[in-house]
Amino acid sequence: GKEREGVAYISSHNITITYADSVKGRFTISKDSAQNT
């Protein structure tokens, strides 16, 4: 019943990371390029 929303984003170079205000401070996004995860 709700619209899709972005939770967290991470750039290809891992430098830019952004979070939705609703999850900021609680969620952490990370990328392991070596493991492709």
ModelCIF file with pLDDT and N, C-alpha, C, O atoms, coordinates in Angstrom:
data_MODEL
#
_entry.id   MODEL 
#
_entity.id                         1 
_entity.type                       polymer 
_entity.pdbx_number_of_molecules   1 
#
_entity_poly.entity_id                      1 
_entity_poly.type                           'polypeptide(L)' 
_entity_poly.nstd_linkage                   no 
_entity_poly.nstd_monomer                   no 
_entity_poly.pdbx_seq_one_letter_code       GKEREGVAYISSHNITITYADSVKGRFTISKDSAQNT 
_entity_poly.pdbx_seq_one_letter_code_can   GKEREGVAYISSHNITITYADSVKGRFTISKDSAQNT 
_entity_poly.pdbx_strand_id                 A 
#
loop_
_entity_poly_seq.entity_id 
_entity_poly_seq.num 
_entity_poly_seq.mon_id 
_entity_poly_seq.hetero 
1 1  GLY n 
1 2  LYS n 
1 3  GLU n 
1 4  ARG n 
1 5  GLU n 
1 6  GLY n 
1 7  VAL n 
1 8  ALA n 
1 9  TYR n 
1 10 ILE n 
1 11 SER n 
1 12 SER n 
1 13 HIS n 
1 14 ASN n 
1 15 ILE n 
1 16 THR n 
1 17 ILE n 
1 18 THR n 
1 19 TYR n 
1 20 ALA n 
1 21 ASP n 
1 22 SER n 
1 23 VAL n 
1 24 LYS n 
1 25 GLY n 
1 26 ARG n 
1 27 PHE n 
1 28 THR n 
1 29 ILE n 
1 30 SER n 
1 31 LYS n 
1 32 ASP n 
1 33 SER n 
1 34 ALA n 
1 35 GLN n 
1 36 ASN n 
1 37 THR n 
#
_struct_asym.id          A 
_struct_asym.entity_id   1 
#
loop_
_ma_qa_metric.id 
_ma_qa_metric.mode 
_ma_qa_metric.name 
_ma_qa_metric.software_group_id 
_ma_qa_metric.type 
1 global pLDDT . pLDDT 
2 local  pLDDT . pLDDT 
#
_ma_qa_metric_global.metric_id      1 
_ma_qa_metric_global.metric_value   95.41 
_ma_qa_metric_global.model_id       1 
_ma_qa_metric_global.ordinal_id     1 
#
loop_
_ma_qa_metric_local.label_asym_id 
_ma_qa_metric_local.label_comp_id 
_ma_qa_metric_local.label_seq_id 
_ma_qa_metric_local.metric_id 
_ma_qa_metric_local.metric_value 
_ma_qa_metric_local.model_id 
_ma_qa_metric_local.ordinal_id 
A GLY 1  2 94.00 1 1  
A LYS 2  2 95.00 1 2  
A GLU 3  2 94.00 1 3  
A ARG 4  2 94.00 1 4  
A GLU 5  2 95.00 1 5  
A GLY 6  2 97.00 1 6  
A VAL 7  2 98.00 1 7  
A ALA 8  2 98.00 1 8  
A TYR 9  2 98.00 1 9  
A ILE 10 2 97.00 1 10 
A SER 11 2 96.00 1 11 
A SER 12 2 93.00 1 12 
A HIS 13 2 89.00 1 13 
A ASN 14 2 89.00 1 14 
A ILE 15 2 90.00 1 15 
A THR 16 2 96.00 1 16 
A ILE 17 2 97.00 1 17 
A THR 18 2 97.00 1 18 
A TYR 19 2 98.00 1 19 
A ALA 20 2 97.00 1 20 
A ASP 21 2 98.00 1 21 
A SER 22 2 97.00 1 22 
A VAL 23 2 98.00 1 23 
A LYS 24 2 98.00 1 24 
A GLY 25 2 98.00 1 25 
A ARG 26 2 98.00 1 26 
A PHE 27 2 98.00 1 27 
A THR 28 2 98.00 1 28 
A ILE 29 2 98.00 1 29 
A SER 30 2 97.00 1 30 
A LYS 31 2 95.00 1 31 
A ASP 32 2 93.00 1 32 
A SER 33 2 87.00 1 33 
A ALA 34 2 90.00 1 34 
A GLN 35 2 94.00 1 35 
A ASN 36 2 95.00 1 36 
A THR 37 2 96.00 1 37 
#
loop_
_atom_site.group_PDB 
_atom_site.id 
_atom_site.type_symbol 
_atom_site.label_atom_id 
_atom_site.label_alt_id 
_atom_site.label_comp_id 
_atom_site.label_asym_id 
_atom_site.label_entity_id 
_atom_site.label_seq_id 
_atom_site.pdbx_PDB_ins_code 
_atom_site.Cartn_x 
_atom_site.Cartn_y 
_atom_site.Cartn_z 
_atom_site.occupancy 
_atom_site.B_iso_or_equiv 
_atom_site.pdbx_formal_charge 
_atom_site.auth_seq_id 
_atom_site.auth_comp_id 
_atom_site.auth_asym_id 
_atom_site.auth_atom_id 
_atom_site.pdbx_PDB_model_num 
ATOM 1   N N  . GLY A 1 1  ? 0.779  -1.220  0.000  1.00 94.00 ? 1  GLY A N  1 
ATOM 2   C CA . GLY A 1 1  ? 0.000  0.000   0.000  1.00 94.00 ? 1  GLY A CA 1 
ATOM 3   C C  . GLY A 1 1  ? 0.815  1.276   0.000  1.00 94.00 ? 1  GLY A C  1 
ATOM 4   O O  . GLY A 1 1  ? 0.249  2.369   0.034  1.00 94.00 ? 1  GLY A O  1 
ATOM 5   N N  . LYS A 1 2  ? 2.118  1.161   -0.037 1.00 95.00 ? 2  LYS A N  1 
ATOM 6   C CA . LYS A 1 2  ? 2.981  2.331   -0.028 1.00 95.00 ? 2  LYS A CA 1 
ATOM 7   C C  . LYS A 1 2  ? 3.861  2.354   -1.271 1.00 95.00 ? 2  LYS A C  1 
ATOM 8   O O  . LYS A 1 2  ? 4.076  1.330   -1.920 1.00 95.00 ? 2  LYS A O  1 
ATOM 9   N N  . GLU A 1 3  ? 4.359  3.530   -1.585 1.00 94.00 ? 3  GLU A N  1 
ATOM 10  C CA . GLU A 1 3  ? 5.246  3.677   -2.727 1.00 94.00 ? 3  GLU A CA 1 
ATOM 11  C C  . GLU A 1 3  ? 6.643  3.186   -2.389 1.00 94.00 ? 3  GLU A C  1 
ATOM 12  O O  . GLU A 1 3  ? 7.059  3.185   -1.231 1.00 94.00 ? 3  GLU A O  1 
ATOM 13  N N  . ARG A 1 4  ? 7.343  2.777   -3.406 1.00 94.00 ? 4  ARG A N  1 
ATOM 14  C CA . ARG A 1 4  ? 8.724  2.369   -3.240 1.00 94.00 ? 4  ARG A CA 1 
ATOM 15  C C  . ARG A 1 4  ? 9.557  3.568   -2.823 1.00 94.00 ? 4  ARG A C  1 
ATOM 16  O O  . ARG A 1 4  ? 9.361  4.672   -3.331 1.00 94.00 ? 4  ARG A O  1 
ATOM 17  N N  . GLU A 1 5  ? 10.474 3.357   -1.910 1.00 95.00 ? 5  GLU A N  1 
ATOM 18  C CA . GLU A 1 5  ? 11.326 4.439   -1.457 1.00 95.00 ? 5  GLU A CA 1 
ATOM 19  C C  . GLU A 1 5  ? 12.783 3.991   -1.405 1.00 95.00 ? 5  GLU A C  1 
ATOM 20  O O  . GLU A 1 5  ? 13.085 2.824   -1.158 1.00 95.00 ? 5  GLU A O  1 
ATOM 21  N N  . GLY A 1 6  ? 13.655 4.925   -1.639 1.00 97.00 ? 6  GLY A N  1 
ATOM 22  C CA . GLY A 1 6  ? 15.071 4.654   -1.529 1.00 97.00 ? 6  GLY A CA 1 
ATOM 23  C C  . GLY A 1 6  ? 15.489 4.666   -0.069 1.00 97.00 ? 6  GLY A C  1 
ATOM 24  O O  . GLY A 1 6  ? 15.122 5.577   0.673  1.00 97.00 ? 6  GLY A O  1 
ATOM 25  N N  . VAL A 1 7  ? 16.240 3.678   0.345  1.00 98.00 ? 7  VAL A N  1 
ATOM 26  C CA . VAL A 1 7  ? 16.691 3.548   1.721  1.00 98.00 ? 7  VAL A CA 1 
ATOM 27  C C  . VAL A 1 7  ? 18.125 4.035   1.884  1.00 98.00 ? 7  VAL A C  1 
ATOM 28  O O  . VAL A 1 7  ? 18.422 4.844   2.763  1.00 98.00 ? 7  VAL A O  1 
ATOM 29  N N  . ALA A 1 8  ? 19.002 3.538   1.034  1.00 98.00 ? 8  ALA A N  1 
ATOM 30  C CA . ALA A 1 8  ? 20.413 3.894   1.115  1.00 98.00 ? 8  ALA A CA 1 
ATOM 31  C C  . ALA A 1 8  ? 21.064 3.738   -0.248 1.00 98.00 ? 8  ALA A C  1 
ATOM 32  O O  . ALA A 1 8  ? 20.692 2.877   -1.045 1.00 98.00 ? 8  ALA A O  1 
ATOM 33  N N  . TYR A 1 9  ? 22.047 4.596   -0.494 1.00 98.00 ? 9  TYR A N  1 
ATOM 34  C CA . TYR A 1 9  ? 22.751 4.588   -1.771 1.00 98.00 ? 9  TYR A CA 1 
ATOM 35  C C  . TYR A 1 9  ? 24.250 4.651   -1.538 1.00 98.00 ? 9  TYR A C  1 
ATOM 36  O O  . TYR A 1 9  ? 24.721 5.280   -0.590 1.00 98.00 ? 9  TYR A O  1 
ATOM 37  N N  . ILE A 1 10 ? 24.988 3.991   -2.412 1.00 97.00 ? 10 ILE A N  1 
ATOM 38  C CA . ILE A 1 10 ? 26.440 4.046   -2.347 1.00 97.00 ? 10 ILE A CA 1 
ATOM 39  C C  . ILE A 1 10 ? 26.978 4.107   -3.773 1.00 97.00 ? 10 ILE A C  1 
ATOM 40  O O  . ILE A 1 10 ? 26.570 3.329   -4.635 1.00 97.00 ? 10 ILE A O  1 
ATOM 41  N N  . SER A 1 11 ? 27.890 5.032   -4.010 1.00 96.00 ? 11 SER A N  1 
ATOM 42  C CA . SER A 1 11 ? 28.425 5.241   -5.345 1.00 96.00 ? 11 SER A CA 1 
ATOM 43  C C  . SER A 1 11 ? 29.416 4.151   -5.729 1.00 96.00 ? 11 SER A C  1 
ATOM 44  O O  . SER A 1 11 ? 29.895 3.394   -4.884 1.00 96.00 ? 11 SER A O  1 
ATOM 45  N N  . SER A 1 12 ? 29.708 4.091   -7.007 1.00 93.00 ? 12 SER A N  1 
ATOM 46  C CA . SER A 1 12 ? 30.609 3.062   -7.514 1.00 93.00 ? 12 SER A CA 1 
ATOM 47  C C  . SER A 1 12 ? 31.986 3.125   -6.878 1.00 93.00 ? 12 SER A C  1 
ATOM 48  O O  . SER A 1 12 ? 32.646 2.100   -6.709 1.00 93.00 ? 12 SER A O  1 
ATOM 49  N N  . HIS A 1 13 ? 32.418 4.329   -6.526 1.00 89.00 ? 13 HIS A N  1 
ATOM 50  C CA . HIS A 1 13 ? 33.728 4.504   -5.911 1.00 89.00 ? 13 HIS A CA 1 
ATOM 51  C C  . HIS A 1 13 ? 33.670 4.460   -4.381 1.00 89.00 ? 13 HIS A C  1 
ATOM 52  O O  . HIS A 1 13 ? 34.687 4.646   -3.713 1.00 89.00 ? 13 HIS A O  1 
ATOM 53  N N  . ASN A 1 14 ? 32.491 4.217   -3.836 1.00 89.00 ? 14 ASN A N  1 
ATOM 54  C CA . ASN A 1 14 ? 32.269 4.084   -2.391 1.00 89.00 ? 14 ASN A CA 1 
ATOM 55  C C  . ASN A 1 14 ? 32.468 5.373   -1.609 1.00 89.00 ? 14 ASN A C  1 
ATOM 56  O O  . ASN A 1 14 ? 32.502 5.355   -0.379 1.00 89.00 ? 14 ASN A O  1 
ATOM 57  N N  . ILE A 1 15 ? 32.596 6.479   -2.308 1.00 90.00 ? 15 ILE A N  1 
ATOM 58  C CA . ILE A 1 15 ? 32.834 7.742   -1.633 1.00 90.00 ? 15 ILE A CA 1 
ATOM 59  C C  . ILE A 1 15 ? 31.537 8.407   -1.207 1.00 90.00 ? 15 ILE A C  1 
ATOM 60  O O  . ILE A 1 15 ? 31.447 8.946   -0.104 1.00 90.00 ? 15 ILE A O  1 
ATOM 61  N N  . THR A 1 16 ? 30.543 8.373   -2.062 1.00 96.00 ? 16 THR A N  1 
ATOM 62  C CA . THR A 1 16 ? 29.269 9.007   -1.766 1.00 96.00 ? 16 THR A CA 1 
ATOM 63  C C  . THR A 1 16 ? 28.285 7.989   -1.209 1.00 96.00 ? 16 THR A C  1 
ATOM 64  O O  . THR A 1 16 ? 27.983 6.986   -1.856 1.00 96.00 ? 16 THR A O  1 
ATOM 65  N N  . ILE A 1 17 ? 27.795 8.252   -0.018 1.00 97.00 ? 17 ILE A N  1 
ATOM 66  C CA . ILE A 1 17 ? 26.815 7.392   0.644  1.00 97.00 ? 17 ILE A CA 1 
ATOM 67  C C  . ILE A 1 17 ? 25.701 8.270   1.184  1.00 97.00 ? 17 ILE A C  1 
ATOM 68  O O  . ILE A 1 17 ? 25.961 9.252   1.880  1.00 97.00 ? 17 ILE A O  1 
ATOM 69  N N  . THR A 1 18 ? 24.480 7.925   0.872  1.00 97.00 ? 18 THR A N  1 
ATOM 70  C CA . THR A 1 18 ? 23.343 8.684   1.357  1.00 97.00 ? 18 THR A CA 1 
ATOM 71  C C  . THR A 1 18 ? 22.293 7.748   1.935  1.00 97.00 ? 18 THR A C  1 
ATOM 72  O O  . THR A 1 18 ? 22.192 6.584   1.547  1.00 97.00 ? 18 THR A O  1 
ATOM 73  N N  . TYR A 1 19 ? 21.515 8.281   2.869  1.00 98.00 ? 19 TYR A N  1 
ATOM 74  C CA . TYR A 1 19 ? 20.461 7.519   3.516  1.00 98.00 ? 19 TYR A CA 1 
ATOM 75  C C  . TYR A 1 19 ? 19.174 8.318   3.572  1.00 98.00 ? 19 TYR A C  1 
ATOM 76  O O  . TYR A 1 19 ? 19.186 9.548   3.620  1.00 98.00 ? 19 TYR A O  1 
ATOM 77  N N  . ALA A 1 20 ? 18.073 7.602   3.564  1.00 97.00 ? 20 ALA A N  1 
ATOM 78  C CA . ALA A 1 20 ? 16.808 8.247   3.836  1.00 97.00 ? 20 ALA A CA 1 
ATOM 79  C C  . ALA A 1 20 ? 16.811 8.722   5.282  1.00 97.00 ? 20 ALA A C  1 
ATOM 80  O O  . ALA A 1 20 ? 17.394 8.075   6.152  1.00 97.00 ? 20 ALA A O  1 
ATOM 81  N N  . ASP A 1 21 ? 16.166 9.840   5.534  1.00 98.00 ? 21 ASP A N  1 
ATOM 82  C CA . ASP A 1 21 ? 16.141 10.382  6.887  1.00 98.00 ? 21 ASP A CA 1 
ATOM 83  C C  . ASP A 1 21 ? 15.568 9.383   7.892  1.00 98.00 ? 21 ASP A C  1 
ATOM 84  O O  . ASP A 1 21 ? 15.972 9.364   9.054  1.00 98.00 ? 21 ASP A O  1 
ATOM 85  N N  . SER A 1 22 ? 14.644 8.569   7.448  1.00 97.00 ? 22 SER A N  1 
ATOM 86  C CA . SER A 1 22 ? 13.986 7.633   8.339  1.00 97.00 ? 22 SER A CA 1 
ATOM 87  C C  . SER A 1 22 ? 14.899 6.525   8.853  1.00 97.00 ? 22 SER A C  1 
ATOM 88  O O  . SER A 1 22 ? 14.596 5.896   9.867  1.00 97.00 ? 22 SER A O  1 
ATOM 89  N N  . VAL A 1 23 ? 16.007 6.282   8.169  1.00 98.00 ? 23 VAL A N  1 
ATOM 90  C CA . VAL A 1 23 ? 16.906 5.205   8.574  1.00 98.00 ? 23 VAL A CA 1 
ATOM 91  C C  . VAL A 1 23 ? 18.282 5.699   8.974  1.00 98.00 ? 23 VAL A C  1 
ATOM 92  O O  . VAL A 1 23 ? 19.114 4.913   9.428  1.00 98.00 ? 23 VAL A O  1 
ATOM 93  N N  . LYS A 1 24 ? 18.532 6.973   8.814  1.00 98.00 ? 24 LYS A N  1 
ATOM 94  C CA . LYS A 1 24 ? 19.836 7.538   9.121  1.00 98.00 ? 24 LYS A CA 1 
ATOM 95  C C  . LYS A 1 24 ? 20.201 7.298   10.585 1.00 98.00 ? 24 LYS A C  1 
ATOM 96  O O  . LYS A 1 24 ? 19.413 7.563   11.493 1.00 98.00 ? 24 LYS A O  1 
ATOM 97  N N  . GLY A 1 25 ? 21.396 6.799   10.784 1.00 98.00 ? 25 GLY A N  1 
ATOM 98  C CA . GLY A 1 25 ? 21.857 6.497   12.121 1.00 98.00 ? 25 GLY A CA 1 
ATOM 99  C C  . GLY A 1 25 ? 21.548 5.088   12.567 1.00 98.00 ? 25 GLY A C  1 
ATOM 100 O O  . GLY A 1 25 ? 22.080 4.625   13.576 1.00 98.00 ? 25 GLY A O  1 
ATOM 101 N N  . ARG A 1 26 ? 20.693 4.398   11.830 1.00 98.00 ? 26 ARG A N  1 
ATOM 102 C CA . ARG A 1 26 ? 20.313 3.032   12.186 1.00 98.00 ? 26 ARG A CA 1 
ATOM 103 C C  . ARG A 1 26 ? 20.790 2.011   11.155 1.00 98.00 ? 26 ARG A C  1 
ATOM 104 O O  . ARG A 1 26 ? 21.138 0.884   11.507 1.00 98.00 ? 26 ARG A O  1 
ATOM 105 N N  . PHE A 1 27 ? 20.804 2.403   9.898  1.00 98.00 ? 27 PHE A N  1 
ATOM 106 C CA . PHE A 1 27 ? 21.197 1.507   8.813  1.00 98.00 ? 27 PHE A CA 1 
ATOM 107 C C  . PHE A 1 27 ? 22.563 1.907   8.264  1.00 98.00 ? 27 PHE A C  1 
ATOM 108 O O  . PHE A 1 27 ? 22.933 3.081   8.273  1.00 98.00 ? 27 PHE A O  1 
ATOM 109 N N  . THR A 1 28 ? 23.293 0.922   7.792  1.00 98.00 ? 28 THR A N  1 
ATOM 110 C CA . THR A 1 28 ? 24.586 1.165   7.171  1.00 98.00 ? 28 THR A CA 1 
ATOM 111 C C  . THR A 1 28 ? 24.702 0.358   5.890  1.00 98.00 ? 28 THR A C  1 
ATOM 112 O O  . THR A 1 28 ? 24.559 -0.865  5.901  1.00 98.00 ? 28 THR A O  1 
ATOM 113 N N  . ILE A 1 29 ? 24.960 1.043   4.793  1.00 98.00 ? 29 ILE A N  1 
ATOM 114 C CA . ILE A 1 29 ? 25.152 0.376   3.518  1.00 98.00 ? 29 ILE A CA 1 
ATOM 115 C C  . ILE A 1 29 ? 26.647 0.230   3.262  1.00 98.00 ? 29 ILE A C  1 
ATOM 116 O O  . ILE A 1 29 ? 27.429 1.130   3.569  1.00 98.00 ? 29 ILE A O  1 
ATOM 117 N N  . SER A 1 30 ? 27.029 -0.890  2.706  1.00 97.00 ? 30 SER A N  1 
ATOM 118 C CA . SER A 1 30 ? 28.428 -1.115  2.389  1.00 97.00 ? 30 SER A CA 1 
ATOM 119 C C  . SER A 1 30 ? 28.537 -1.990  1.154  1.00 97.00 ? 30 SER A C  1 
ATOM 120 O O  . SER A 1 30 ? 27.632 -2.760  0.834  1.00 97.00 ? 30 SER A O  1 
ATOM 121 N N  . LYS A 1 31 ? 29.645 -1.860  0.479  1.00 95.00 ? 31 LYS A N  1 
ATOM 122 C CA . LYS A 1 31 ? 29.874 -2.620  -0.742 1.00 95.00 ? 31 LYS A CA 1 
ATOM 123 C C  . LYS A 1 31 ? 31.256 -3.246  -0.705 1.00 95.00 ? 31 LYS A C  1 
ATOM 124 O O  . LYS A 1 31 ? 32.247 -2.581  -0.404 1.00 95.00 ? 31 LYS A O  1 
ATOM 125 N N  . ASP A 1 32 ? 31.309 -4.515  -1.011 1.00 93.00 ? 32 ASP A N  1 
ATOM 126 C CA . ASP A 1 32 ? 32.561 -5.241  -1.095 1.00 93.00 ? 32 ASP A CA 1 
ATOM 127 C C  . ASP A 1 32 ? 32.769 -5.584  -2.560 1.00 93.00 ? 32 ASP A C  1 
ATOM 128 O O  . ASP A 1 32 ? 32.258 -6.591  -3.049 1.00 93.00 ? 32 ASP A O  1 
ATOM 129 N N  . SER A 1 33 ? 33.518 -4.745  -3.253 1.00 87.00 ? 33 SER A N  1 
ATOM 130 C CA . SER A 1 33 ? 33.710 -4.940  -4.683 1.00 87.00 ? 33 SER A CA 1 
ATOM 131 C C  . SER A 1 33 ? 34.472 -6.223  -4.994 1.00 87.00 ? 33 SER A C  1 
ATOM 132 O O  . SER A 1 33 ? 34.243 -6.851  -6.028 1.00 87.00 ? 33 SER A O  1 
ATOM 133 N N  . ALA A 1 34 ? 35.374 -6.611  -4.103 1.00 90.00 ? 34 ALA A N  1 
ATOM 134 C CA . ALA A 1 34 ? 36.147 -7.825  -4.313 1.00 90.00 ? 34 ALA A CA 1 
ATOM 135 C C  . ALA A 1 34 ? 35.250 -9.056  -4.328 1.00 90.00 ? 34 ALA A C  1 
ATOM 136 O O  . ALA A 1 34 ? 35.466 -9.979  -5.113 1.00 90.00 ? 34 ALA A O  1 
ATOM 137 N N  . GLN A 1 35 ? 34.246 -9.066  -3.461 1.00 94.00 ? 35 GLN A N  1 
ATOM 138 C CA . GLN A 1 35 ? 33.309 -10.175 -3.389 1.00 94.00 ? 35 GLN A CA 1 
ATOM 139 C C  . GLN A 1 35 ? 32.056 -9.928  -4.220 1.00 94.00 ? 35 GLN A C  1 
ATOM 140 O O  . GLN A 1 35 ? 31.208 -10.809 -4.364 1.00 94.00 ? 35 GLN A O  1 
ATOM 141 N N  . ASN A 1 36 ? 31.954 -8.729  -4.760 1.00 95.00 ? 36 ASN A N  1 
ATOM 142 C CA . ASN A 1 36 ? 30.798 -8.341  -5.560 1.00 95.00 ? 36 ASN A CA 1 
ATOM 143 C C  . ASN A 1 36 ? 29.492 -8.493  -4.777 1.00 95.00 ? 36 ASN A C  1 
ATOM 144 O O  . ASN A 1 36 ? 28.505 -9.039  -5.271 1.00 95.00 ? 36 ASN A O  1 
ATOM 145 N N  . THR A 1 37 ? 29.523 -7.995  -3.551 1.00 96.00 ? 37 THR A N  1 
ATOM 146 C CA . THR A 1 37 ? 28.345 -8.060  -2.701 1.00 96.00 ? 37 THR A CA 1 
ATOM 147 C C  . THR A 1 37 ? 28.030 -6.692  -2.103 1.00 96.00 ? 37 THR A C  1 
ATOM 148 O O  . THR A 1 37 ? 27.063 -6.554  -1.354 1.00 96.00 ? 37 THR A O  1 
#
